[in-house]
Amino acid sequence: MIRRLRFKFVLVNMGIVTLMLCVIFGLVFYFTSANLERESIRMMESIAEQPFQLSAPSEMGEDVRLPFFALQLGPRGELVATGGGYYDLSDDAFLHRLIDAAYASPRNLGVLEEYNLRYYRTDSPLRPCLVFADISSEQATLDGLIRTCLLIGGCSFLSFLWISVLLSRWAVRPVDAARERQRQFVASASHELKTPLTVILTNAELLQDPTYSPERRSVFLSNILTMSRQMRHLIEQLLELARADAAAPQAARLPVDFSALVSRSVLSFEPVFFERGLTLIPQVDERIQVLGEAAPLEQVVNVLLDNAQKYAREHGRVWVRLQMHGRDRCLLSVSNEGDPIPPEDLPHIFERFYRADPARSRDGSFGLGLSIAKAMVVRHQGKIWAESSQGVNRFLVELPRIKSTSLSQE
């Protein structure tokens, strides 16, 4: 698929390049040919006005640049006089053939291909005149221009082809990465769903065996219910993640009291931390407001608090800090004492189904919470990242805040 996509990219790109080169070189050839023809015709018109006053090439003036000769005709078309120093004009039969060929055309200006001459005919009844100009140099110039255009065009085509191949690799790299992430996501989701489904099917089959006691059958039913709830929780997280991905970055622009929101979430989690023997230390600055939606932002805070209580060491401490950051930003940090996160895991900690500690894969977490939090933060034009140092793991969220001055004006 990626190779086919790259091939289409190169094909379309080279089609555009080929069209542009053809148009550019075609215009160059057309204007060069038209300019040479215009100069030749202007020279012939100048000669036709005074055909026999130009006796030598040095006296031809600035407009005369091509080999030429002029023929003066009588009233009945007989050859009266000739002029021009570039040709042998003693062959009357040749000259009469030229006269017949020039008068055979209804146009007074044209090209005699077999003689490689351009003619200009004046149909004055008293003094008809024919001027002939050699177009060999003009044809040679155009032939040289064609060869030059083909050479430059071929080199340009090969250069653009090489550049297009390199660009195709760069252009499809995000697609390839997204495809790989999608493949891993589907594989991970299938794996997470496979285990509870296997437990449900196994317990359902055991329920059909009448030899088991009612107590054992009750255990089987409890296992089915537990696994069903776990599957429902996973599906709800997947749907939440899909909604977060599909949401517009600026879908909502309502003021949210972020200080009150964080304080409310901390208050709701205090019993959980107390039950686990953890010390929760909040420090929330007041009157910090952001633009966005309250529900997704509260979910971000809840995900970070839940993650902190899950991975904090026994009887450890958890710090929640909300403060202003810079001129128009705010910074939320949730830190906990616990096993340090390896540096190689920090860049991947927000990936879907990623767990820095695989041993905790069955604690009810599917590795989607931080991915959902990241999607929500990005939706609000913020950023989220993780740090780990000296036995403290810290998750930080930076969001744009509403300045107090602008808020008072509202």
Protein backbone atom coordinates (compact mmCIF):
# COMPACT_ATOMS: atom_id res chain seq x y z
CA MET A 1 0.00 0.00 0.00
CA ILE A 2 2.76 2.46 0.95
CA ARG A 3 4.77 1.55 -2.14
CA ARG A 4 1.72 2.09 -4.32
CA LEU A 5 1.06 5.43 -2.62
CA ARG A 6 4.66 6.50 -3.25
CA PHE A 7 4.38 5.44 -6.88
CA LYS A 8 1.21 7.50 -7.33
CA PHE A 9 2.86 10.49 -5.65
CA VAL A 10 5.87 10.29 -7.99
CA LEU A 11 3.62 9.71 -11.02
CA VAL A 12 1.43 12.73 -10.29
CA ASN A 13 4.41 14.91 -9.43
CA MET A 14 6.30 13.96 -12.58
CA GLY A 15 3.17 14.46 -14.67
CA ILE A 16 2.91 18.02 -13.38
CA VAL A 17 6.64 18.61 -13.90
CA THR A 18 6.51 17.22 -17.45
CA LEU A 19 3.54 19.42 -18.30
CA MET A 20 5.28 22.50 -16.89
CA LEU A 21 8.51 21.75 -18.77
CA CYS A 22 6.61 21.22 -22.03
CA VAL A 23 4.72 24.49 -21.57
CA ILE A 24 7.87 26.46 -20.66
CA PHE A 25 10.01 25.09 -23.50
CA GLY A 26 7.10 25.35 -25.92
CA LEU A 27 6.67 29.02 -25.09
CA VAL A 28 10.43 29.62 -25.41
CA PHE A 29 10.44 27.94 -28.83
CA TYR A 30 7.31 29.77 -29.99
CA PHE A 31 8.52 33.25 -28.98
CA THR A 32 12.02 32.64 -30.37
CA SER A 33 10.61 31.42 -33.69
CA ALA A 34 8.15 34.30 -33.85
CA ASN A 35 10.91 36.82 -33.08
CA LEU A 36 13.21 35.43 -35.80
CA GLU A 37 10.38 35.43 -38.31
CA ARG A 38 9.38 38.96 -37.37
CA GLU A 39 12.94 40.23 -37.80
CA SER A 40 13.20 38.52 -41.18
CA ILE A 41 9.91 39.97 -42.42
CA ARG A 42 10.81 43.44 -41.18
CA MET A 43 14.09 43.23 -43.08
CA MET A 44 12.31 42.11 -46.26
CA GLU A 45 9.74 44.90 -46.01
CA SER A 46 12.55 47.42 -45.59
CA ILE A 47 14.30 46.07 -48.68
CA ALA A 48 11.07 46.03 -50.71
CA GLU A 49 10.66 49.77 -50.18
CA GLN A 50 14.04 50.49 -51.92
CA PRO A 51 15.08 47.18 -53.48
CA PHE A 52 17.95 48.40 -55.68
CA GLN A 53 19.50 51.18 -53.60
CA LEU A 54 21.31 48.67 -51.35
CA SER A 55 24.31 47.65 -53.38
CA ALA A 56 26.60 46.16 -50.77
CA PRO A 57 26.20 44.38 -47.45
CA SER A 58 27.97 47.20 -45.62
CA GLU A 59 25.29 49.61 -46.78
CA MET A 60 22.29 47.52 -45.74
CA GLY A 61 21.53 49.28 -42.47
CA GLU A 62 20.70 47.84 -39.08
CA ASP A 63 17.57 45.93 -40.16
CA VAL A 64 19.32 43.87 -42.84
CA ARG A 65 20.89 40.80 -41.22
CA LEU A 66 20.04 37.82 -43.50
CA PRO A 67 21.25 36.85 -47.01
CA PHE A 68 18.70 38.17 -49.50
CA PHE A 69 18.12 39.14 -53.12
CA ALA A 70 15.41 41.14 -54.89
CA LEU A 71 13.80 40.69 -58.32
CA GLN A 72 12.21 43.56 -60.25
CA LEU A 73 9.37 42.47 -62.60
CA GLY A 74 7.78 44.16 -65.55
CA PRO A 75 4.05 44.83 -66.10
CA ARG A 76 3.62 41.39 -67.73
CA GLY A 77 5.65 39.55 -65.08
CA GLU A 78 8.92 39.44 -67.00
CA LEU A 79 12.17 39.72 -65.05
CA VAL A 80 13.56 43.24 -65.40
CA ALA A 81 16.33 43.54 -62.83
CA THR A 82 17.96 41.70 -59.98
CA GLY A 83 19.81 42.87 -56.87
CA GLY A 84 21.67 41.36 -53.94
CA GLY A 85 25.21 40.29 -53.34
CA TYR A 86 24.74 36.92 -51.65
CA TYR A 87 23.49 34.76 -54.53
CA ASP A 88 24.43 33.95 -58.10
CA LEU A 89 21.60 35.61 -60.02
CA SER A 90 22.76 34.60 -63.49
CA ASP A 91 20.54 31.48 -63.70
CA ASP A 92 17.37 32.86 -65.31
CA ALA A 93 15.63 29.46 -65.28
CA PHE A 94 16.12 29.20 -61.50
CA LEU A 95 14.87 32.73 -60.98
CA HIS A 96 11.76 32.13 -63.10
CA ARG A 97 10.99 29.01 -61.06
CA LEU A 98 11.18 31.11 -57.92
CA ILE A 99 8.90 33.74 -59.50
CA ASP A 100 6.35 31.09 -60.52
CA ALA A 101 6.44 29.48 -57.03
CA ALA A 102 5.95 32.87 -55.32
CA TYR A 103 3.01 33.85 -57.56
CA ALA A 104 1.42 30.40 -57.23
CA SER A 105 0.42 31.29 -53.68
CA PRO A 106 -2.44 33.76 -53.05
CA ARG A 107 -0.45 35.19 -50.13
CA ASN A 108 2.16 37.88 -50.66
CA LEU A 109 4.29 36.44 -47.84
CA GLY A 110 5.32 32.83 -47.40
CA VAL A 111 8.05 30.20 -47.33
CA LEU A 112 9.34 28.08 -50.21
CA GLU A 113 10.37 24.96 -48.31
CA GLU A 114 12.14 23.27 -51.24
CA TYR A 115 14.40 26.29 -51.75
CA ASN A 116 14.71 27.17 -48.05
CA LEU A 117 13.68 30.74 -48.85
CA ARG A 118 11.11 33.16 -47.52
CA TYR A 119 9.53 35.47 -50.09
CA TYR A 120 7.83 38.84 -49.86
CA ARG A 121 5.81 40.04 -52.86
CA THR A 122 4.72 43.60 -53.58
CA ASP A 123 1.85 43.75 -56.05
CA SER A 124 2.39 47.30 -57.25
CA PRO A 125 1.00 47.61 -60.82
CA LEU A 126 3.87 49.87 -61.91
CA ARG A 127 6.80 48.16 -60.26
CA PRO A 128 6.07 44.68 -58.86
CA CYS A 129 8.95 43.32 -56.78
CA LEU A 130 9.92 40.06 -55.11
CA VAL A 131 12.29 39.88 -52.13
CA PHE A 132 13.74 36.52 -51.09
CA ALA A 133 15.58 35.86 -47.79
CA ASP A 134 17.51 32.76 -46.82
CA ILE A 135 16.06 31.07 -43.70
CA SER A 136 18.86 28.51 -43.24
CA SER A 137 20.34 30.34 -40.25
CA GLU A 138 16.85 30.75 -38.78
CA GLN A 139 16.20 27.00 -39.07
CA ALA A 140 19.64 26.24 -37.65
CA THR A 141 18.92 28.49 -34.67
CA LEU A 142 15.59 26.77 -34.04
CA ASP A 143 17.15 23.31 -34.42
CA GLY A 144 19.84 24.26 -31.91
CA LEU A 145 17.18 25.59 -29.57
CA ILE A 146 15.27 22.28 -29.81
CA ARG A 147 18.40 20.30 -28.98
CA THR A 148 19.16 22.60 -26.04
CA CYS A 149 15.59 22.33 -24.74
CA LEU A 150 15.66 18.54 -25.03
CA LEU A 151 18.97 18.37 -23.16
CA ILE A 152 17.87 20.77 -20.43
CA GLY A 153 14.45 19.12 -20.27
CA GLY A 154 15.96 15.65 -19.93
CA CYS A 155 18.33 16.73 -17.17
CA SER A 156 15.54 18.62 -15.42
CA PHE A 157 13.23 15.60 -15.70
CA LEU A 158 15.81 13.27 -14.15
CA SER A 159 16.57 15.80 -11.41
CA PHE A 160 12.90 16.25 -10.57
CA LEU A 161 12.43 12.48 -10.67
CA TRP A 162 15.17 12.02 -8.09
CA ILE A 163 13.73 14.83 -5.94
CA SER A 164 10.21 13.36 -6.27
CA VAL A 165 11.42 9.96 -5.08
CA LEU A 166 12.98 11.59 -2.02
CA LEU A 167 9.88 13.70 -1.43
CA SER A 168 7.65 10.65 -1.76
CA ARG A 169 9.52 8.98 1.09
CA TRP A 170 9.13 12.10 3.22
CA ALA A 171 5.47 12.62 2.25
CA VAL A 172 4.27 9.10 3.01
CA ARG A 173 6.25 8.80 6.23
CA PRO A 174 3.35 10.17 8.37
CA VAL A 175 0.94 7.88 6.52
CA ASP A 176 3.21 4.92 7.14
CA ALA A 177 3.53 5.86 10.80
CA ALA A 178 -0.24 6.31 11.13
CA ARG A 179 -0.81 2.97 9.45
CA GLU A 180 1.62 1.28 11.81
CA ARG A 181 -0.05 2.93 14.81
CA GLN A 182 -3.43 1.81 13.54
CA ARG A 183 -2.17 -1.74 13.11
CA GLN A 184 -0.74 -1.75 16.62
CA PHE A 185 -3.93 -0.19 17.98
CA VAL A 186 -6.13 -2.86 16.39
CA ALA A 187 -3.80 -5.61 17.57
CA SER A 188 -3.72 -4.23 21.12
CA ALA A 189 -7.50 -3.72 21.23
CA SER A 190 -8.03 -7.25 19.95
CA HIS A 191 -5.67 -8.58 22.60
CA GLU A 192 -7.41 -6.64 25.37
CA LEU A 193 -10.81 -7.91 24.25
CA LYS A 194 -9.64 -11.47 23.68
CA THR A 195 -8.81 -12.18 27.34
CA PRO A 196 -12.18 -11.18 28.87
CA LEU A 197 -14.00 -12.90 26.02
CA THR A 198 -12.09 -16.10 26.72
CA VAL A 199 -12.97 -15.88 30.43
CA ILE A 200 -16.64 -15.23 29.61
CA LEU A 201 -16.85 -18.15 27.17
CA THR A 202 -15.06 -20.52 29.56
CA ASN A 203 -17.34 -19.63 32.48
CA ALA A 204 -20.44 -19.82 30.26
CA GLU A 205 -19.45 -23.33 29.16
CA LEU A 206 -18.88 -24.35 32.77
CA LEU A 207 -22.31 -23.03 33.69
CA GLN A 208 -23.85 -25.52 31.27
CA ASP A 209 -22.32 -28.41 33.24
CA PRO A 210 -25.01 -29.58 35.76
CA THR A 211 -22.45 -31.30 37.99
CA TYR A 212 -21.25 -28.04 39.53
CA SER A 213 -22.77 -26.87 42.80
CA PRO A 214 -24.83 -23.66 43.03
CA GLU A 215 -21.92 -21.98 44.85
CA ARG A 216 -19.54 -22.74 41.99
CA ARG A 217 -22.10 -21.65 39.42
CA SER A 218 -22.45 -18.36 41.30
CA VAL A 219 -18.67 -17.86 41.00
CA PHE A 220 -18.90 -18.49 37.27
CA LEU A 221 -21.65 -15.88 36.96
CA SER A 222 -19.61 -13.41 38.98
CA ASN A 223 -16.62 -13.93 36.67
CA ILE A 224 -18.79 -13.34 33.62
CA LEU A 225 -20.19 -10.15 35.14
CA THR A 226 -16.72 -8.87 36.07
CA MET A 227 -15.30 -9.51 32.61
CA SER A 228 -18.37 -7.99 30.94
CA ARG A 229 -17.93 -4.81 32.94
CA GLN A 230 -14.25 -4.76 32.07
CA MET A 231 -15.10 -5.07 28.37
CA ARG A 232 -17.70 -2.35 28.67
CA HIS A 233 -15.14 -0.07 30.32
CA LEU A 234 -12.65 -0.74 27.52
CA ILE A 235 -15.22 -0.06 24.80
CA GLU A 236 -16.28 3.16 26.53
CA GLN A 237 -12.64 4.30 26.61
CA LEU A 238 -12.22 3.44 22.94
CA LEU A 239 -15.31 5.45 22.06
CA GLU A 240 -14.12 8.34 24.21
CA LEU A 241 -10.76 8.26 22.43
CA ALA A 242 -12.46 8.22 19.03
CA ARG A 243 -14.63 11.20 20.00
CA ALA A 244 -11.57 13.08 21.23
CA ASP A 245 -9.74 12.43 17.95
CA ALA A 246 -12.73 13.58 15.90
CA ALA A 247 -13.39 16.75 17.91
CA ALA A 248 -12.29 20.08 16.49
CA PRO A 249 -9.33 21.75 18.26
CA GLN A 250 -11.46 24.81 19.09
CA ALA A 251 -14.86 23.18 19.44
CA ALA A 252 -15.72 25.11 22.62
CA ARG A 253 -14.70 28.59 23.72
CA LEU A 254 -16.38 28.96 27.12
CA PRO A 255 -14.61 30.26 30.24
CA VAL A 256 -13.90 27.47 32.74
CA ASP A 257 -12.79 28.05 36.33
CA PHE A 258 -9.86 25.66 36.19
CA SER A 259 -8.87 26.31 39.81
CA ALA A 260 -12.29 25.24 41.09
CA LEU A 261 -12.32 22.28 38.73
CA VAL A 262 -8.96 20.96 39.98
CA SER A 263 -9.96 21.51 43.61
CA ARG A 264 -13.20 19.60 43.05
CA SER A 265 -11.38 16.65 41.49
CA VAL A 266 -8.82 16.58 44.31
CA LEU A 267 -11.64 16.57 46.87
CA SER A 268 -13.37 13.64 45.17
CA PHE A 269 -10.13 11.60 45.13
CA GLU A 270 -9.18 12.22 48.76
CA PRO A 271 -11.00 9.08 50.06
CA VAL A 272 -9.23 6.94 47.46
CA PHE A 273 -5.81 8.24 48.49
CA PHE A 274 -6.68 7.90 52.19
CA GLU A 275 -7.82 4.30 51.72
CA ARG A 276 -4.49 3.43 50.04
CA GLY A 277 -2.49 5.18 52.74
CA LEU A 278 -1.21 7.89 50.43
CA THR A 279 -0.63 11.52 51.35
CA LEU A 280 -2.26 13.99 48.97
CA ILE A 281 -0.75 17.49 48.98
CA PRO A 282 -2.71 19.99 46.85
CA GLN A 283 -1.57 23.52 46.06
CA VAL A 284 -3.98 25.27 43.72
CA ASP A 285 -3.73 28.96 42.86
CA GLU A 286 -7.06 30.73 42.71
CA ARG A 287 -8.82 32.47 39.84
CA ILE A 288 -7.11 30.59 37.02
CA GLN A 289 -9.51 30.34 34.11
CA VAL A 290 -9.17 28.72 30.71
CA LEU A 291 -11.27 28.52 27.57
CA GLY A 292 -12.76 25.12 26.82
CA GLU A 293 -15.16 22.50 28.11
CA ALA A 294 -15.38 21.61 31.78
CA ALA A 295 -16.12 17.89 31.34
CA PRO A 296 -13.06 17.00 29.20
CA LEU A 297 -10.77 19.12 31.38
CA GLU A 298 -12.08 17.41 34.51
CA GLN A 299 -11.48 14.07 32.85
CA VAL A 300 -7.85 15.05 32.24
CA VAL A 301 -7.38 15.87 35.94
CA ASN A 302 -9.12 12.65 37.01
CA VAL A 303 -6.92 10.57 34.68
CA LEU A 304 -3.75 12.09 36.16
CA LEU A 305 -4.97 11.65 39.76
CA ASP A 306 -6.02 8.06 39.08
CA ASN A 307 -2.69 7.33 37.44
CA ALA A 308 -0.85 8.83 40.43
CA GLN A 309 -2.71 6.71 42.99
CA LYS A 310 -2.20 3.54 40.96
CA TYR A 311 1.56 3.92 40.56
CA ALA A 312 2.51 5.69 43.80
CA ARG A 313 4.64 3.68 46.20
CA GLU A 314 3.07 2.44 49.41
CA HIS A 315 2.50 5.25 51.93
CA GLY A 316 3.99 7.65 49.40
CA ARG A 317 3.13 11.27 48.70
CA VAL A 318 1.25 12.82 45.77
CA TRP A 319 1.48 16.51 44.91
CA VAL A 320 -1.09 18.42 42.86
CA ARG A 321 0.04 21.89 41.79
CA LEU A 322 -1.80 24.44 39.66
CA GLN A 323 -0.10 27.77 38.99
CA MET A 324 0.25 30.51 36.42
CA HIS A 325 2.96 29.91 33.85
CA GLY A 326 4.27 32.77 31.77
CA ARG A 327 2.10 35.64 30.61
CA ASP A 328 -0.89 33.72 29.29
CA ARG A 329 -0.44 30.07 30.29
CA CYS A 330 -1.16 27.90 33.31
CA LEU A 331 0.63 24.76 34.45
CA LEU A 332 -0.92 21.76 36.19
CA SER A 333 1.46 19.16 37.62
CA VAL A 334 0.56 15.87 39.32
CA SER A 335 3.57 14.21 40.94
CA ASN A 336 3.90 10.99 42.90
CA GLU A 337 6.65 9.08 44.64
CA GLY A 338 7.12 5.72 42.97
CA ASP A 339 9.26 3.59 40.74
CA PRO A 340 11.00 5.88 38.24
CA ILE A 341 9.84 5.76 34.65
CA PRO A 342 12.73 4.68 32.41
CA PRO A 343 13.92 7.47 30.06
CA GLU A 344 13.23 5.28 27.01
CA ASP A 345 9.56 4.95 28.08
CA LEU A 346 8.90 8.69 28.55
CA PRO A 347 8.37 9.46 24.82
CA HIS A 348 5.85 6.58 24.55
CA ILE A 349 3.97 7.00 27.82
CA PHE A 350 0.99 8.66 26.07
CA GLU A 351 0.67 6.08 23.30
CA ARG A 352 -2.45 3.94 23.21
CA PHE A 353 -2.28 0.64 25.10
CA TYR A 354 1.25 1.46 26.18
CA ARG A 355 2.30 0.45 29.70
CA ALA A 356 5.72 1.24 31.09
CA ASP A 357 5.23 -1.67 33.51
CA PRO A 358 3.76 -4.73 31.71
CA ALA A 359 3.29 -6.45 35.05
CA ARG A 360 0.40 -4.06 35.77
CA SER A 361 -1.61 -5.07 32.71
CA ARG A 362 -4.32 -6.69 34.77
CA ASP A 363 -4.98 -3.95 37.33
CA GLY A 364 -8.06 -2.76 35.46
CA SER A 365 -6.07 -0.32 33.30
CA PHE A 366 -5.89 -0.70 29.53
CA GLY A 367 -3.24 1.94 28.84
CA LEU A 368 -5.78 4.34 27.34
CA GLY A 369 -6.19 6.90 30.12
CA LEU A 370 -3.12 8.97 29.30
CA SER A 371 -3.92 8.75 25.57
CA ILE A 372 -7.38 10.16 26.25
CA ALA A 373 -5.87 12.89 28.45
CA LYS A 374 -3.44 13.86 25.70
CA ALA A 375 -6.22 14.03 23.11
CA MET A 376 -8.27 16.28 25.42
CA VAL A 377 -5.30 18.57 26.12
CA VAL A 378 -4.44 18.89 22.43
CA ARG A 379 -8.09 19.66 21.75
CA HIS A 380 -7.73 22.65 24.10
CA GLN A 381 -4.51 23.79 22.36
CA GLY A 382 -2.32 22.71 25.24
CA LYS A 383 0.48 20.22 25.70
CA ILE A 384 1.12 17.38 28.13
CA TRP A 385 4.33 15.60 28.98
CA ALA A 386 5.94 13.43 31.67
CA GLU A 387 9.14 13.74 33.70
CA SER A 388 10.85 11.38 36.11
CA SER A 389 13.71 12.20 38.44
CA GLN A 390 14.89 11.36 41.99
CA GLY A 391 12.10 8.86 42.60
CA VAL A 392 9.29 11.26 41.62
CA ASN A 393 7.19 10.85 38.50
CA ARG A 394 5.61 14.08 37.32
CA PHE A 395 2.89 14.65 34.70
CA LEU A 396 2.48 18.23 33.51
CA VAL A 397 -0.27 19.93 31.53
CA GLU A 398 0.14 23.41 30.06
CA LEU A 399 -2.97 25.25 28.87
CA PRO A 400 -3.67 28.77 27.61
CA ARG A 401 -5.44 30.79 30.29
CA ILE A 402 -7.71 33.82 30.25
CA LYS A 403 -6.01 36.93 31.52
CA SER A 404 -7.78 38.63 34.36
CA THR A 405 -7.93 41.93 32.44
CA SER A 406 -9.63 40.38 29.43
CA LEU A 407 -11.94 38.43 31.68
CA SER A 408 -13.07 41.55 33.53
CA GLN A 409 -13.85 43.23 30.22
CA GLU A 410 -16.11 40.34 29.34
